[in-house]
Each structure stands twice: as structure tokens, then as C-alpha cells.
Protein backbone atom coordinates (compact mmCIF):
# COMPACT_ATOMS: atom_id res chain seq x y z
CA MET A 1 0.00 0.00 0.00
CA ASN A 2 1.60 3.28 -1.12
CA GLY A 3 1.26 6.77 0.31
CA TRP A 4 -1.97 8.02 -1.24
CA GLN A 5 -3.73 4.71 -0.64
CA THR A 6 -2.77 4.90 3.03
CA LEU A 7 -4.14 8.44 3.23
CA LEU A 8 -7.33 7.33 1.48
CA LYS A 9 -7.78 4.50 3.98
CA LYS A 10 -7.20 6.90 6.85
CA GLU A 11 -9.83 9.33 5.53
CA VAL A 12 -12.38 6.56 4.96
CA LEU A 13 -11.83 5.15 8.44
CA ARG A 14 -12.09 8.64 9.88
CA PHE A 15 -15.75 9.02 8.90
CA TRP A 16 -16.59 5.33 9.26
CA LYS A 17 -15.49 5.26 12.92
CA VAL A 18 -18.22 7.80 13.68
CA SER A 19 -20.74 6.50 11.15
CA PHE A 20 -23.61 7.21 13.53
CA GLN A 21 -22.82 10.90 13.12
CA THR A 22 -21.56 10.99 9.52
CA VAL A 23 -23.98 8.52 7.90
CA ALA A 24 -27.00 7.89 10.12
CA ALA A 25 -27.62 11.55 11.00
CA PRO A 26 -27.81 12.79 7.35
CA VAL A 27 -30.13 9.91 6.48
CA LEU A 28 -32.42 10.83 9.38
CA THR A 29 -32.45 14.49 8.34
CA ALA A 30 -33.42 13.60 4.77
CA VAL A 31 -36.17 11.25 5.98
CA LEU A 32 -37.61 14.07 8.09
CA TYR A 33 -37.69 16.32 5.01
CA LEU A 34 -39.45 13.54 3.11
CA LEU A 35 -42.05 12.95 5.82
CA ILE A 36 -42.90 16.63 6.25
CA PHE A 37 -42.97 17.80 2.63
CA GLY A 38 -44.32 14.54 1.28
CA HIS A 39 -47.18 14.44 3.75
CA VAL A 40 -48.13 18.07 3.22
CA LEU A 41 -47.82 18.27 -0.58
CA GLU A 42 -48.67 14.72 -1.64
CA GLY A 43 -51.82 14.78 -3.78
CA ARG A 44 -51.65 18.56 -4.22
CA VAL A 45 -48.61 18.78 -6.50
CA LEU A 46 -48.10 16.68 -9.63
CA VAL A 47 -44.73 17.10 -11.33
CA TYR A 48 -44.35 16.50 -15.08
CA ASP A 49 -48.11 15.71 -15.15
CA ARG A 50 -47.56 12.09 -14.08
CA ILE A 51 -45.07 11.86 -11.19
CA SER A 52 -46.15 12.09 -7.58
CA TYR A 53 -44.44 14.65 -5.42
CA THR A 54 -42.99 12.07 -3.01
CA ALA A 55 -41.34 10.17 -5.85
CA PHE A 56 -40.10 13.46 -7.32
CA LEU A 57 -38.66 14.51 -3.95
CA ILE A 58 -36.59 11.41 -3.16
CA PRO A 59 -33.87 11.79 -5.87
CA GLY A 60 -33.44 15.44 -4.99
CA LEU A 61 -33.02 14.67 -1.29
CA VAL A 62 -30.52 11.92 -2.07
CA MET A 63 -28.39 14.23 -4.22
CA MET A 64 -28.62 17.00 -1.63
CA SER A 65 -27.34 14.64 1.07
CA VAL A 66 -24.53 13.42 -1.20
CA LEU A 67 -23.34 16.96 -1.94
CA GLN A 68 -23.48 18.20 1.65
CA ASN A 69 -21.71 15.18 3.13
CA ALA A 70 -19.01 15.02 0.46
CA PHE A 71 -18.25 18.68 1.11
CA ALA A 72 -18.22 18.18 4.88
CA ASN A 73 -15.86 15.19 4.70
CA SER A 74 -12.92 16.85 2.95
CA SER A 75 -13.35 20.29 4.52
CA SER A 76 -13.65 19.03 8.11
CA SER A 77 -10.63 16.76 7.70
CA LEU A 78 -8.37 19.64 6.61
CA ILE A 79 -9.59 22.13 9.20
CA GLN A 80 -9.21 19.58 12.01
CA SER A 81 -5.67 18.84 10.86
CA LYS A 82 -4.90 22.56 11.00
CA ILE A 83 -6.34 22.96 14.47
CA THR A 84 -4.67 19.89 15.97
CA GLY A 85 -1.36 20.62 14.24
CA ASN A 86 -0.92 17.34 12.36
CA ILE A 87 -1.27 19.12 9.02
CA VAL A 88 2.54 19.09 8.96
CA PHE A 89 2.47 15.36 8.23
CA MET A 90 0.38 16.06 5.14
CA LEU A 91 2.64 18.90 4.00
CA LEU A 92 5.83 16.86 4.34
CA ALA A 93 4.47 13.49 3.23
CA PRO A 94 6.44 11.93 0.35
CA ILE A 95 3.45 12.01 -2.00
CA SER A 96 2.60 14.42 -4.77
CA THR A 97 -0.06 17.10 -4.58
CA VAL A 98 -2.22 15.24 -7.11
CA GLU A 99 -2.14 12.10 -4.96
CA LEU A 100 -3.03 14.13 -1.89
CA PHE A 101 -5.95 15.71 -3.74
CA ALA A 102 -7.12 12.35 -5.07
CA ALA A 103 -7.11 10.75 -1.62
CA TYR A 104 -9.25 13.49 -0.07
CA VAL A 105 -11.70 13.64 -2.97
CA LEU A 106 -12.10 9.87 -3.24
CA ALA A 107 -12.80 9.66 0.49
CA ALA A 108 -15.47 12.36 0.07
CA VAL A 109 -16.99 10.41 -2.83
CA ALA A 110 -17.02 7.26 -0.68
CA ARG A 111 -18.90 9.03 2.09
CA GLY A 112 -21.40 10.48 -0.38
CA LEU A 113 -22.08 7.05 -1.89
CA VAL A 114 -22.56 5.48 1.55
CA VAL A 115 -25.06 8.19 2.50
CA ALA A 116 -26.90 7.73 -0.83
CA ALA A 117 -27.12 3.97 -0.25
CA GLY A 118 -28.52 4.56 3.22
CA MET A 119 -31.08 6.99 1.83
CA PHE A 120 -32.31 4.52 -0.80
CA ALA A 121 -32.47 1.73 1.79
CA VAL A 122 -34.77 3.82 3.98
CA THR A 123 -36.94 5.55 1.36
CA VAL A 124 -37.66 2.39 -0.63
CA TRP A 125 -40.46 1.70 1.88
CA PHE A 126 -42.24 4.99 1.09
CA VAL A 127 -42.63 4.77 -2.66
CA GLY A 128 -41.26 2.67 -5.48
CA LEU A 129 -38.87 4.49 -7.79
CA PRO A 130 -38.51 3.49 -11.45
CA VAL A 131 -34.96 3.30 -12.81
CA ARG A 132 -34.81 4.30 -16.47
CA ALA A 133 -31.10 5.09 -16.95
CA PRO A 134 -28.81 3.67 -14.21
CA LEU A 135 -25.64 4.88 -15.92
CA TRP A 136 -26.84 8.47 -15.76
CA ILE A 137 -27.60 7.99 -12.05
CA LEU A 138 -24.11 6.68 -11.35
CA ALA A 139 -22.37 9.31 -13.47
CA PHE A 140 -24.11 12.29 -11.86
CA CYS A 141 -23.70 10.82 -8.37
CA LEU A 142 -19.95 10.32 -8.82
CA LEU A 143 -19.32 13.68 -10.50
CA GLY A 144 -21.49 15.55 -8.00
CA ALA A 145 -19.75 13.98 -5.01
CA ALA A 146 -16.32 14.67 -6.54
CA LEU A 147 -17.23 18.32 -7.20
CA ALA A 148 -18.48 18.78 -3.64
CA GLY A 149 -15.34 17.08 -2.28
CA ALA A 150 -13.13 19.40 -4.34
CA LEU A 151 -15.09 22.40 -3.04
CA GLY A 152 -14.59 21.12 0.51
CA LEU A 153 -10.86 20.80 -0.10
CA LEU A 154 -10.82 24.35 -1.46
CA ALA A 155 -12.67 25.66 1.59
CA GLY A 156 -10.43 23.70 3.97
CA VAL A 157 -7.27 25.14 2.44
CA CYS A 158 -8.56 28.73 2.54
CA ALA A 159 -10.14 28.57 6.00
CA GLU A 160 -8.03 29.06 9.12
CA LYS A 161 -10.78 28.54 11.71
CA ILE A 162 -13.98 26.53 12.01
CA ASP A 163 -15.98 29.78 11.88
CA GLN A 164 -14.68 30.56 8.41
CA LEU A 165 -15.51 27.05 7.21
CA ALA A 166 -19.01 27.29 8.69
CA ALA A 167 -19.54 30.61 6.90
CA PHE A 168 -18.56 29.02 3.58
CA GLN A 169 -20.96 26.15 4.16
CA ASN A 170 -23.87 28.31 5.33
CA PHE A 171 -23.56 31.09 2.75
CA VAL A 172 -22.37 29.15 -0.30
CA ILE A 173 -23.09 25.41 -0.14
CA MET A 174 -26.46 25.57 1.61
CA PRO A 175 -28.06 28.17 -0.74
CA LEU A 176 -26.71 26.42 -3.84
CA THR A 177 -28.15 23.12 -2.60
CA PHE A 178 -31.62 24.34 -1.65
CA LEU A 179 -31.97 26.47 -4.80
CA SER A 180 -31.00 23.63 -7.14
CA GLY A 181 -34.50 22.25 -7.68
CA VAL A 182 -34.51 19.70 -4.88
CA PHE A 183 -38.05 20.55 -3.74
CA TYR A 184 -39.49 21.91 -6.99
CA SER A 185 -39.22 21.94 -10.75
CA ILE A 186 -37.79 25.14 -12.19
CA HIS A 187 -40.64 25.27 -14.70
CA ALA A 188 -42.81 26.40 -11.79
CA LEU A 189 -40.59 29.48 -11.33
CA PRO A 190 -40.87 32.84 -13.11
CA PRO A 191 -38.62 33.21 -16.19
CA ALA A 192 -36.15 35.44 -14.36
CA TRP A 193 -35.62 32.89 -11.59
CA GLN A 194 -35.27 30.13 -14.14
CA GLN A 195 -32.30 31.96 -15.62
CA VAL A 196 -30.83 32.34 -12.13
CA SER A 197 -31.25 28.60 -11.54
CA HIS A 198 -29.35 27.85 -14.75
CA ALA A 199 -26.34 29.65 -13.27
CA ASN A 200 -26.28 27.19 -10.36
CA PRO A 201 -24.05 24.14 -11.09
CA PHE A 202 -25.84 22.12 -8.41
CA PHE A 203 -29.06 22.37 -10.44
CA TYR A 204 -27.54 20.29 -13.25
CA MET A 205 -26.48 17.57 -10.81
CA VAL A 206 -29.94 17.26 -9.28
CA ASP A 207 -31.73 17.48 -12.62
CA GLY A 208 -29.47 14.94 -14.32
CA PHE A 209 -29.65 12.58 -11.34
CA ARG A 210 -33.45 12.77 -11.42
CA TYR A 211 -33.43 12.06 -15.16
CA GLY A 212 -31.94 8.63 -14.49
CA PHE A 213 -35.07 7.65 -12.55
CA PHE A 214 -37.94 9.19 -14.51
CA GLY A 215 -36.51 9.75 -18.00
CA VAL A 216 -37.61 13.41 -18.00
CA SER A 217 -35.74 16.53 -16.93
CA ASP A 218 -35.78 20.31 -17.05
CA PHE A 219 -32.49 20.44 -19.01
CA PRO A 220 -30.88 18.04 -21.50
CA PRO A 221 -28.89 15.45 -19.51
CA GLY A 222 -25.94 15.47 -21.89
CA ALA A 223 -25.48 19.21 -21.51
CA SER A 224 -25.90 18.89 -17.75
CA LEU A 225 -23.17 16.25 -17.60
CA ALA A 226 -20.82 18.46 -19.63
CA ILE A 227 -21.43 21.45 -17.36
CA VAL A 228 -20.84 19.38 -14.22
CA ALA A 229 -17.63 17.92 -15.68
CA ALA A 230 -16.36 21.39 -16.63
CA SER A 231 -17.16 22.71 -13.16
CA LEU A 232 -15.31 19.78 -11.60
CA ALA A 233 -12.25 20.43 -13.78
CA ALA A 234 -12.19 24.15 -12.89
CA VAL A 235 -12.61 23.60 -9.14
CA SER A 236 -10.04 20.78 -9.16
CA ALA A 237 -7.46 22.96 -10.91
CA LEU A 238 -7.99 25.77 -8.40
CA SER A 239 -7.84 23.37 -5.44
CA LEU A 240 -4.63 21.78 -6.72
CA TRP A 241 -2.98 25.16 -7.17
CA LEU A 242 -3.95 26.32 -3.66
CA LEU A 243 -2.91 23.01 -2.13
CA ARG A 244 0.47 23.18 -3.87
CA GLU A 245 1.01 26.74 -2.63
CA GLU A 246 0.02 25.73 0.90
CA ARG A 247 2.51 22.87 0.91
CA HIS A 248 5.24 25.17 -0.40
CA ARG A 249 4.56 27.76 2.33
CA GLY A 250 4.52 25.06 4.99
CA ARG A 251 7.86 23.63 3.89
CA THR A 252 9.36 27.11 3.73
CA ARG A 253 8.28 27.84 7.30
CA LEU A 254 9.74 24.56 8.54
CA ARG A 255 13.05 25.19 6.78
CA ALA A 256 13.18 28.67 8.32
CA ARG A 257 12.76 27.17 11.78
CA ARG A 258 15.71 24.88 11.12
CA GLY A 259 17.95 27.78 10.17
CA GLY A 260 17.37 27.67 6.42
CA ARG A 261 18.70 24.15 5.97
CA ARG A 262 16.70 21.68 3.98
CA ARG A 263 16.12 18.42 5.72
CA PRO A 264 16.52 15.34 3.51
CA ALA A 265 13.69 12.83 3.42
CA PHE A 266 16.09 9.91 3.99
CA PRO A 267 19.18 11.04 5.95
CA GLY A 268 21.01 7.73 5.56
CA ALA A 269 23.98 6.51 7.53
CA GLY A 270 25.67 9.21 9.57
CA GLY A 271 22.92 11.74 8.94
CA VAL A 272 20.63 10.94 11.86
CA GLU A 273 22.98 12.49 14.44
CA ARG A 274 23.45 15.56 12.25
CA LEU A 275 19.69 16.05 11.97
CA ARG A 276 19.32 15.59 15.71
CA ARG A 277 21.85 18.34 16.36
CA GLN A 278 20.10 20.53 13.79
CA ASP A 279 16.76 20.12 15.60
CA ALA A 280 18.46 20.73 18.95
CA ARG A 281 19.71 24.12 17.76
CA ALA A 282 16.19 25.07 16.64
CA ALA A 283 14.64 24.06 19.96
CA PRO A 284 14.25 26.65 22.74
CA PRO A 285 16.88 26.59 25.50
CA ALA A 286 16.01 24.34 28.39
CA ARG A 287 16.82 24.94 32.05
CA LEU A 288 19.73 22.92 33.38
CA PRO A 289 19.04 20.38 36.13
CA ARG A 290 20.26 21.31 39.59
CA ALA A 291 22.92 18.58 39.53
CA ARG A 292 24.47 20.15 36.44
CA ARG A 293 24.40 23.82 37.48
CA SER A 294 27.57 23.65 39.54
CA HIS A 295 29.37 21.95 36.67
CA ALA A 296 28.15 24.64 34.29
CA ARG A 297 29.32 27.42 36.64
CA ARG A 298 32.80 25.90 36.98
CA ASN A 299 33.11 25.32 33.24
CA PRO A 300 30.49 27.35 31.33
CA ARG A 301 31.57 25.98 27.97
CA ALA A 302 31.19 22.35 28.98
CA VAL A 303 27.42 22.19 28.53
CA ASP A 304 25.81 19.24 26.83
CA ALA A 305 23.53 19.79 23.83
CA ASP A 306 20.83 17.64 25.42
CA ASP A 307 20.60 19.97 28.43
CA ASP A 308 21.01 23.27 26.58
CA PRO A 309 20.04 22.88 22.89
CA GLY A 310 20.47 26.58 22.26
CA ARG A 311 24.16 26.54 23.22
CA GLY A 312 25.15 23.00 22.36
CA ARG A 313 26.21 23.55 18.77
CA ALA A 314 28.73 20.75 18.87
CA ARG A 315 28.52 17.28 20.26
CA TRP A 316 30.98 14.49 20.98
CA ILE A 317 30.14 11.28 19.19
CA SER A 318 31.55 7.91 20.14
CA CYS A 319 32.84 6.09 17.10
CA ALA A 320 34.70 2.82 16.72
CA SER A 321 38.29 2.86 15.49
CA PRO A 322 38.93 -0.41 13.61
CA ALA A 323 42.67 0.27 13.43
CA ALA A 324 43.15 0.86 17.16
CA GLY A 325 40.49 -1.62 18.21
CA ARG A 326 39.07 0.68 20.89
CA TRP A 327 36.59 3.54 21.29
CA ARG A 328 37.78 7.05 20.74
CA ALA A 329 36.09 10.45 20.78
CA ARG A 330 35.78 12.88 17.93
CA CYS A 331 34.04 16.26 17.86
CA ALA A 332 31.17 16.70 15.40
CA SER A 333 32.11 20.33 14.70
CA ARG A 334 35.79 19.48 13.97
CA ALA A 335 37.05 21.24 17.12
CA PRO A 336 40.73 20.72 18.03
CA LYS A 337 41.25 17.32 19.58
CA THR A 338 42.96 17.23 22.96
CA PRO A 339 43.66 14.48 25.47
CA ARG A 340 42.11 16.66 28.20
CA CYS A 341 38.70 17.22 26.60
CA ARG A 342 37.03 17.60 29.99
CA SER A 343 38.66 20.97 30.65
CA PHE A 344 39.61 22.25 27.18
CA ALA A 345 37.32 21.05 24.38
CA PRO A 346 34.37 23.39 23.74
CA ARG A 347 30.99 22.13 24.92
CA CYS A 348 32.24 18.67 25.71
CA SER A 349 29.89 15.99 26.97
CA PRO A 350 29.89 15.32 30.72
CA PRO A 351 32.57 12.90 31.91
CA SER A 352 30.11 10.08 32.27
CA ARG A 353 29.24 10.33 28.58
CA CYS A 354 32.65 11.13 27.15
CA ALA A 355 34.42 8.24 25.48
CA CYS A 356 38.06 9.42 25.67
CA ARG A 357 40.55 7.87 28.08
CA THR A 358 41.14 11.03 30.13
CA CYS A 359 37.50 11.54 31.01
CA ARG A 360 36.87 7.87 31.64
CA ALA A 361 39.84 7.82 33.96
């Protein structure tokens, strides 16, 4: 399993672990809409002159749930990673930006499909739905969920707090969803509002999805599919660009904290100690233990890097000498070697950790 597949599995498990909240709750909300509107308007409204209002309402509610939950999956994952601080693992992961985008969007599509399956499993007891074009149903469901997931990724990258994400969802996603023809046919609207509805990309998803069940629609399904695909391509390109810029800014900030040095992904042999010293210099100075204060006062330069990362720029490393057959000490910063490293060498390790003969004696 490679990097993006691992991230995809993590995102799927993230919403599946709390499926009562991420799957059952949206299904219950849609069923409540169906019970209220279906009970009130059933028998009073006949859509397309032959379809009952309850049957007309179910595909719209399913698509509305798919769009809202696909958006919530990708956006909430990114904003939670920013708040908890583990977004750094996504920024520095050895996967490309396209793979990162694909993992988040596919996880959003998976959640949307699970919610749609739950909706059909519950609403099948209310009214029987005919299926005229199953391929159209699948195509609009997949493209709609992918578009909503890409929008969620876009909102998650731009938002810095949950309040900003909630504003995007309440003032952008919610109006586009409810004004997309979920509860009505746009032919019942005045001509001016029909033109406004045609500017809503969510309308083409709902209308094309409904066409797969009844074989009739307010707009040609082929044109609707093309508009949805073009919208998905535009939003995906914008999300990829913003995600790439965010990763670049994150890596730049991390390199600045390490003193402008770029940290290799695989340090290899001999590089682990160097990276540890590099991180020690970037860490804030720590207070010396009481047992070491007297030693530091007698010899201020003999401070270990573990106790004072801000001052410990050099460190003594024990290395084996195959020629001599014994352990000897060498300084990592190429300081002058001396047999009396305890009193002369800069920032030497304490005697208990030094490997030279003088200190061990």
C-alpha cells in the first residue's frame, strides 16, 4: 500500500469510525424532510403531469445529502488537521499534490455514496422508484460527489478557523443546494428565476440525477453532464494550485525554523545524528538540572547539547576505530582534539558520557 492509498484508507476510516454521526444523521435528516414535505404536498402537487411529489422529492433529497456530506468530509478533515497541528504530516508526506488531492476527494466520494445507499435503503419503503437510466444515475452521483469534495478541499485550504468554514458552508453550499431544484421543478418558477437557476451548477447535478429515474428533466442530460464535468475540472485545478502553494509555504516555514537548511527525506547513515543536532539548535533553550548547574558554573563551555540545545552547537560522538580496536572520541564540529577534553574542548559531553581515556579515567 503506497502513500496516497494509506491516506485514502485513513480518511475513509475517519468518517466510518463515527458513522452514527456521519452517515445515520444525514439519512435521518433527509427522511424528516421527506415525511414533512411529502405528507403536506402529496396529492396537491403533480410534477411533469404524471409523477407524484414524493417520488419526485426522493432523488433530490438523495443528491442533496450526497453533496453536503461530500463537502463536509474533505473540509472538516483539513480544518481539524490545521487545528490539531498534524497538518505538517500532510505537507511533508512523500506524495505528490495530485495524490493528496485524489485521496481526499475519493474519500469524500465514498462518504457520499454510503449516505446515498442509506437513503435509498430507507426511502424504498415509502414509494417505489422506477430506474430508467442507471448509468446516468451513477455518473451524476460520482461527478457531484467529486465536485463537492473538491469544493470542501478548497474551503479547507482557505479557512483558518472553524468559523470561516461554517460561513462558507452556510452562505455558499447551503443556498446552492436548496436552490438547485430539490423541492421543486424550475418550470414552476418565473422566467427570471429560471435563468438564475441555470447559473447554479448544483441544479444540473440534481436534474441529471433525477433524469436517471424518470426519464424526464428540465435540461438536456448530456449538456448537464458536460457542465458538471467542466465545473469539476475548474474547481479541481484551483484546489490543486492552492494546495500546492500551501505545501510550499509550509515547507518554507519549517526550513526557516531549522535555520534555512533543507532536511533530507532519507538522511542515511551518519545523517541521523546531524539532523538531531540541527533540531536541537532550533529548539528553545532548556533549564539545566540542579545537579548540572555547579558543573556549568565551573566550566560554562562544557554544557551538553541535550541539556542546553540553544548553546550546544557541537557534540561528541563515540565512534569505533577499527585500526586501534578501541573507542575514541571525535568532535562533530571538527574542534581541536585534545587528550584533556574535559577541561579544554568546547561544549564537551559530561565525563560520564565522554568516550576518551582522560574523562573515563
